[in-house]
Amino acid sequence: MNVNRAKEILLSDQEIAVHYHGIPVWIENIDETSSKSVVSERGIHSERQIVQINDLEETGEYYT
């Protein structure tokens, strides 16, 4: 995924499915300078991780 698409997903009113290495995650924050994002596992109050945005994958699905 690129930085611009990650920003669109973060700001979207829809809940767009994003995975990090096959795990569904929430994008919580984006650092454009480093091309990194803060994510947490969807559905679980897990610890936040800082990951490369290009490691995020949009699945094309929407959560309801």
PDB file of N, CA and C in Angstrom:
ATOM      1  N   MET A   1       0.856  -1.161   0.000  1.00  0.00           N
ATOM      2  CA  MET A   1       0.000   0.000   0.000  1.00  0.00           C
ATOM      3  C   MET A   1       0.905   1.228   0.000  1.00  0.00           C
ATOM      4  N   ASN A   2       0.426   2.305  -0.605  1.00  0.00           N
ATOM      5  CA  ASN A   2       1.211   3.538  -0.568  1.00  0.00           C
ATOM      6  C   ASN A   2       0.651   4.502   0.485  1.00  0.00           C
ATOM      7  N   VAL A   3       1.420   5.527   0.786  1.00  0.00           N
ATOM      8  CA  VAL A   3       1.063   6.473   1.848  1.00  0.00           C
ATOM      9  C   VAL A   3      -0.262   7.154   1.565  1.00  0.00           C
ATOM     10  N   ASN A   4      -0.490   7.579   0.330  1.00  0.00           N
ATOM     11  CA  ASN A   4      -1.739   8.284   0.009  1.00  0.00           C
ATOM     12  C   ASN A   4      -2.958   7.399   0.238  1.00  0.00           C
ATOM     13  N   ARG A   5      -2.874   6.121  -0.149  1.00  0.00           N
ATOM     14  CA  ARG A   5      -4.015   5.225   0.060  1.00  0.00           C
ATOM     15  C   ARG A   5      -4.224   4.964   1.543  1.00  0.00           C
ATOM     16  N   ALA A   6      -3.162   4.822   2.296  1.00  0.00           N
ATOM     17  CA  ALA A   6      -3.287   4.624   3.744  1.00  0.00           C
ATOM     18  C   ALA A   6      -3.980   5.829   4.384  1.00  0.00           C
ATOM     19  N   LYS A   7      -3.652   7.039   3.937  1.00  0.00           N
ATOM     20  CA  LYS A   7      -4.305   8.240   4.456  1.00  0.00           C
ATOM     21  C   LYS A   7      -5.780   8.243   4.115  1.00  0.00           C
ATOM     22  N   GLU A   8      -6.121   7.851   2.884  1.00  0.00           N
ATOM     23  CA  GLU A   8      -7.529   7.791   2.479  1.00  0.00           C
ATOM     24  C   GLU A   8      -8.301   6.813   3.363  1.00  0.00           C
ATOM     25  N   ILE A   9      -7.715   5.661   3.627  1.00  0.00           N
ATOM     26  CA  ILE A   9      -8.376   4.660   4.466  1.00  0.00           C
ATOM     27  C   ILE A   9      -8.545   5.180   5.884  1.00  0.00           C
ATOM     28  N   LEU A  10      -7.515   5.808   6.425  1.00  0.00           N
ATOM     29  CA  LEU A  10      -7.568   6.355   7.781  1.00  0.00           C
ATOM     30  C   LEU A  10      -8.678   7.396   7.914  1.00  0.00           C
ATOM     31  N   LEU A  11      -8.861   8.216   6.902  1.00  0.00           N
ATOM     32  CA  LEU A  11      -9.839   9.301   6.957  1.00  0.00           C
ATOM     33  C   LEU A  11     -11.230   8.897   6.462  1.00  0.00           C
ATOM     34  N   SER A  12     -11.360   7.698   5.945  1.00  0.00           N
ATOM     35  CA  SER A  12     -12.626   7.247   5.364  1.00  0.00           C
ATOM     36  C   SER A  12     -13.702   7.035   6.427  1.00  0.00           C
ATOM     37  N   ASP A  13     -14.945   7.291   6.034  1.00  0.00           N
ATOM     38  CA  ASP A  13     -16.090   6.998   6.894  1.00  0.00           C
ATOM     39  C   ASP A  13     -16.396   5.499   6.895  1.00  0.00           C
ATOM     40  N   GLN A  14     -15.924   4.804   5.873  1.00  0.00           N
ATOM     41  CA  GLN A  14     -16.140   3.364   5.774  1.00  0.00           C
ATOM     42  C   GLN A  14     -15.021   2.634   6.507  1.00  0.00           C
ATOM     43  N   GLU A  15     -15.322   1.416   6.956  1.00  0.00           N
ATOM     44  CA  GLU A  15     -14.313   0.580   7.603  1.00  0.00           C
ATOM     45  C   GLU A  15     -13.748  -0.361   6.543  1.00  0.00           C
ATOM     46  N   ILE A  16     -12.626   0.019   5.983  1.00  0.00           N
ATOM     47  CA  ILE A  16     -12.005  -0.713   4.890  1.00  0.00           C
ATOM     48  C   ILE A  16     -11.024  -1.729   5.476  1.00  0.00           C
ATOM     49  N   ALA A  17     -11.133  -2.973   5.013  1.00  0.00           N
ATOM     50  CA  ALA A  17     -10.301  -4.051   5.545  1.00  0.00           C
ATOM     51  C   ALA A  17      -8.849  -3.887   5.099  1.00  0.00           C
ATOM     52  N   VAL A  18      -7.950  -3.901   6.092  1.00  0.00           N
ATOM     53  CA  VAL A  18      -6.513  -3.812   5.852  1.00  0.00           C
ATOM     54  C   VAL A  18      -5.843  -4.923   6.652  1.00  0.00           C
ATOM     55  N   HIS A  19      -4.880  -5.582   6.024  1.00  0.00           N
ATOM     56  CA  HIS A  19      -4.136  -6.645   6.697  1.00  0.00           C
ATOM     57  C   HIS A  19      -2.655  -6.302   6.755  1.00  0.00           C
ATOM     58  N   TYR A  20      -2.014  -6.761   7.816  1.00  0.00           N
ATOM     59  CA  TYR A  20      -0.561  -6.684   7.958  1.00  0.00           C
ATOM     60  C   TYR A  20      -0.066  -8.112   8.116  1.00  0.00           C
ATOM     61  N   HIS A  21       0.603  -8.616   7.107  1.00  0.00           N
ATOM     62  CA  HIS A  21       1.068 -10.010   7.074  1.00  0.00           C
ATOM     63  C   HIS A  21      -0.068 -10.985   7.385  1.00  0.00           C
ATOM     64  N   GLY A  22      -1.240 -10.735   6.755  1.00  0.00           N
ATOM     65  CA  GLY A  22      -2.382 -11.625   6.889  1.00  0.00           C
ATOM     66  C   GLY A  22      -3.258 -11.394   8.108  1.00  0.00           C
ATOM     67  N   ILE A  23      -2.893 -10.458   8.964  1.00  0.00           N
ATOM     68  CA  ILE A  23      -3.645 -10.173  10.184  1.00  0.00           C
ATOM     69  C   ILE A  23      -4.446  -8.884   9.991  1.00  0.00           C
ATOM     70  N   PRO A  24      -5.766  -8.913  10.238  1.00  0.00           N
ATOM     71  CA  PRO A  24      -6.574  -7.700  10.108  1.00  0.00           C
ATOM     72  C   PRO A  24      -6.150  -6.653  11.145  1.00  0.00           C
ATOM     73  N   VAL A  25      -5.927  -5.423  10.675  1.00  0.00           N
ATOM     74  CA  VAL A  25      -5.470  -4.351  11.562  1.00  0.00           C
ATOM     75  C   VAL A  25      -6.246  -3.067  11.321  1.00  0.00           C
ATOM     76  N   TRP A  26      -6.207  -2.201  12.322  1.00  0.00           N
ATOM     77  CA  TRP A  26      -6.675  -0.819  12.229  1.00  0.00           C
ATOM     78  C   TRP A  26      -5.466   0.055  11.968  1.00  0.00           C
ATOM     79  N   ILE A  27      -5.598   0.997  11.052  1.00  0.00           N
ATOM     80  CA  ILE A  27      -4.574   2.029  10.894  1.00  0.00           C
ATOM     81  C   ILE A  27      -4.930   3.133  11.874  1.00  0.00           C
ATOM     82  N   GLU A  28      -4.032   3.432  12.780  1.00  0.00           N
ATOM     83  CA  GLU A  28      -4.304   4.435  13.807  1.00  0.00           C
ATOM     84  C   GLU A  28      -3.617   5.769  13.553  1.00  0.00           C
ATOM     85  N   ASN A  29      -2.472   5.719  12.892  1.00  0.00           N
ATOM     86  CA  ASN A  29      -1.713   6.934  12.656  1.00  0.00           C
ATOM     87  C   ASN A  29      -0.763   6.684  11.497  1.00  0.00           C
ATOM     88  N   ILE A  30      -0.383   7.757  10.812  1.00  0.00           N
ATOM     89  CA  ILE A  30       0.521   7.653   9.676  1.00  0.00           C
ATOM     90  C   ILE A  30       1.605   8.704   9.809  1.00  0.00           C
ATOM     91  N   ASP A  31       2.844   8.288   9.569  1.00  0.00           N
ATOM     92  CA  ASP A  31       3.978   9.208   9.522  1.00  0.00           C
ATOM     93  C   ASP A  31       4.478   9.218   8.078  1.00  0.00           C
ATOM     94  N   GLU A  32       4.096  10.253   7.354  1.00  0.00           N
ATOM     95  CA  GLU A  32       4.452  10.336   5.939  1.00  0.00           C
ATOM     96  C   GLU A  32       5.952  10.411   5.728  1.00  0.00           C
ATOM     97  N   THR A  33       6.660  11.069   6.627  1.00  0.00           N
ATOM     98  CA  THR A  33       8.098  11.254   6.479  1.00  0.00           C
ATOM     99  C   THR A  33       8.838   9.922   6.454  1.00  0.00           C
ATOM    100  N   SER A  34       8.454   9.017   7.328  1.00  0.00           N
ATOM    101  CA  SER A  34       9.141   7.723   7.416  1.00  0.00           C
ATOM    102  C   SER A  34       8.410   6.612   6.664  1.00  0.00           C
ATOM    103  N   SER A  35       7.229   6.933   6.118  1.00  0.00           N
ATOM    104  CA  SER A  35       6.371   5.928   5.458  1.00  0.00           C
ATOM    105  C   SER A  35       6.035   4.776   6.399  1.00  0.00           C
ATOM    106  N   LYS A  36       5.790   5.135   7.652  1.00  0.00           N
ATOM    107  CA  LYS A  36       5.404   4.137   8.647  1.00  0.00           C
ATOM    108  C   LYS A  36       4.026   4.474   9.204  1.00  0.00           C
ATOM    109  N   SER A  37       3.400   3.463   9.770  1.00  0.00           N
ATOM    110  CA  SER A  37       2.062   3.610  10.322  1.00  0.00           C
ATOM    111  C   SER A  37       1.981   2.912  11.673  1.00  0.00           C
ATOM    112  N   VAL A  38       1.154   3.457  12.545  1.00  0.00           N
ATOM    113  CA  VAL A  38       0.843   2.794  13.804  1.00  0.00           C
ATOM    114  C   VAL A  38      -0.419   1.984  13.560  1.00  0.00           C
ATOM    115  N   VAL A  39      -0.367   0.686  13.848  1.00  0.00           N
ATOM    116  CA  VAL A  39      -1.520  -0.192  13.665  1.00  0.00           C
ATOM    117  C   VAL A  39      -1.745  -1.009  14.924  1.00  0.00           C
ATOM    118  N   SER A  40      -2.968  -1.492  15.069  1.00  0.00           N
ATOM    119  CA  SER A  40      -3.281  -2.452  16.121  1.00  0.00           C
ATOM    120  C   SER A  40      -4.178  -3.513  15.518  1.00  0.00           C
ATOM    121  N   GLU A  41      -4.121  -4.709  16.080  1.00  0.00           N
ATOM    122  CA  GLU A  41      -4.901  -5.814  15.551  1.00  0.00           C
ATOM    123  C   GLU A  41      -6.386  -5.535  15.720  1.00  0.00           C
ATOM    124  N   ARG A  42      -7.138  -5.744  14.677  1.00  0.00           N
ATOM    125  CA  ARG A  42      -8.574  -5.479  14.674  1.00  0.00           C
ATOM    126  C   ARG A  42      -9.288  -6.452  15.601  1.00  0.00           C
ATOM    127  N   GLY A  43     -10.195  -5.925  16.428  1.00  0.00           N
ATOM    128  CA  GLY A  43     -11.008  -6.759  17.294  1.00  0.00           C
ATOM    129  C   GLY A  43     -10.360  -7.139  18.607  1.00  0.00           C
ATOM    130  N   ILE A  44      -9.104  -6.815  18.769  1.00  0.00           N
ATOM    131  CA  ILE A  44      -8.389  -7.159  19.999  1.00  0.00           C
ATOM    132  C   ILE A  44      -7.716  -5.893  20.508  1.00  0.00           C
ATOM    133  N   HIS A  45      -7.779  -5.689  21.793  1.00  0.00           N
ATOM    134  CA  HIS A  45      -7.088  -4.532  22.361  1.00  0.00           C
ATOM    135  C   HIS A  45      -5.625  -4.910  22.542  1.00  0.00           C
ATOM    136  N   SER A  46      -4.946  -5.014  21.407  1.00  0.00           N
ATOM    137  CA  SER A  46      -3.547  -5.423  21.436  1.00  0.00           C
ATOM    138  C   SER A  46      -2.641  -4.205  21.451  1.00  0.00           C
ATOM    139  N   GLU A  47      -1.388  -4.479  21.668  1.00  0.00           N
ATOM    140  CA  GLU A  47      -0.408  -3.411  21.638  1.00  0.00           C
ATOM    141  C   GLU A  47      -0.302  -2.861  20.226  1.00  0.00           C
ATOM    142  N   ARG A  48       0.024  -1.611  20.153  1.00  0.00           N
ATOM    143  CA  ARG A  48       0.226  -0.976  18.859  1.00  0.00           C
ATOM    144  C   ARG A  48       1.603  -1.357  18.318  1.00  0.00           C
ATOM    145  N   GLN A  49       1.679  -1.420  17.007  1.00  0.00           N
ATOM    146  CA  GLN A  49       2.942  -1.694  16.332  1.00  0.00           C
ATOM    147  C   GLN A  49       3.211  -0.582  15.333  1.00  0.00           C
ATOM    148  N   ILE A  50       4.466  -0.300  15.112  1.00  0.00           N
ATOM    149  CA  ILE A  50       4.857   0.617  14.050  1.00  0.00           C
ATOM    150  C   ILE A  50       5.353  -0.240  12.902  1.00  0.00           C
ATOM    151  N   VAL A  51       4.715  -0.081  11.734  1.00  0.00           N
ATOM    152  CA  VAL A  51       5.027  -0.925  10.585  1.00  0.00           C
ATOM    153  C   VAL A  51       5.242  -0.060   9.343  1.00  0.00           C
ATOM    154  N   GLN A  52       5.912  -0.625   8.363  1.00  0.00           N
ATOM    155  CA  GLN A  52       6.072   0.050   7.080  1.00  0.00           C
ATOM    156  C   GLN A  52       4.724   0.044   6.361  1.00  0.00           C
ATOM    157  N   ILE A  53       4.340   1.180   5.814  1.00  0.00           N
ATOM    158  CA  ILE A  53       3.056   1.274   5.123  1.00  0.00           C
ATOM    159  C   ILE A  53       3.013   0.328   3.921  1.00  0.00           C
ATOM    160  N   ASN A  54       4.141   0.149   3.243  1.00  0.00           N
ATOM    161  CA  ASN A  54       4.119  -0.736   2.076  1.00  0.00           C
ATOM    162  C   ASN A  54       3.933  -2.206   2.449  1.00  0.00           C
ATOM    163  N   ASP A  55       3.961  -2.542   3.745  1.00  0.00           N
ATOM    164  CA  ASP A  55       3.655  -3.898   4.209  1.00  0.00           C
ATOM    165  C   ASP A  55       2.163  -4.091   4.490  1.00  0.00           C
ATOM    166  N   LEU A  56       1.378  -3.022   4.398  1.00  0.00           N
ATOM    167  CA  LEU A  56      -0.073  -3.112   4.607  1.00  0.00           C
ATOM    168  C   LEU A  56      -0.740  -3.489   3.290  1.00  0.00           C
ATOM    169  N   GLU A  57      -1.804  -4.285   3.398  1.00  0.00           N
ATOM    170  CA  GLU A  57      -2.513  -4.739   2.211  1.00  0.00           C
ATOM    171  C   GLU A  57      -4.004  -4.483   2.367  1.00  0.00           C
ATOM    172  N   GLU A  58      -4.569  -3.780   1.397  1.00  0.00           N
ATOM    173  CA  GLU A  58      -6.016  -3.571   1.371  1.00  0.00           C
ATOM    174  C   GLU A  58      -6.650  -4.799   0.728  1.00  0.00           C
ATOM    175  N   THR A  59      -7.659  -5.359   1.393  1.00  0.00           N
ATOM    176  CA  THR A  59      -8.240  -6.612   0.900  1.00  0.00           C
ATOM    177  C   THR A  59      -9.376  -6.388  -0.095  1.00  0.00           C
ATOM    178  N   GLY A  60      -9.889  -5.176  -0.181  1.00  0.00           N
ATOM    179  CA  GLY A  60     -11.018  -4.913  -1.068  1.00  0.00           C
ATOM    180  C   GLY A  60     -12.362  -5.155  -0.407  1.00  0.00           C
ATOM    181  N   GLU A  61     -12.330  -5.527   0.869  1.00  0.00           N
ATOM    182  CA  GLU A  61     -13.561  -5.777   1.626  1.00  0.00           C
ATOM    183  C   GLU A  61     -13.857  -4.578   2.524  1.00  0.00           C
ATOM    184  N   TYR A  62     -15.107  -4.516   2.946  1.00  0.00           N
ATOM    185  CA  TYR A  62     -15.546  -3.470   3.868  1.00  0.00           C
ATOM    186  C   TYR A  62     -16.190  -4.135   5.061  1.00  0.00           C
ATOM    187  N   TYR A  63     -15.921  -3.603   6.251  1.00  0.00           N
ATOM    188  CA  TYR A  63     -16.567  -4.094   7.460  1.00  0.00           C
ATOM    189  C   TYR A  63     -17.879  -3.345   7.649  1.00  0.00           C
ATOM    190  N   THR A  64     -18.859  -4.016   8.224  1.00  0.00           N
ATOM    191  CA  THR A  64     -20.149  -3.364   8.470  1.00  0.00           C
ATOM    192  C   THR A  64     -20.400  -3.250   9.945  1.00  0.00           C
TER     193      THR A  64
END
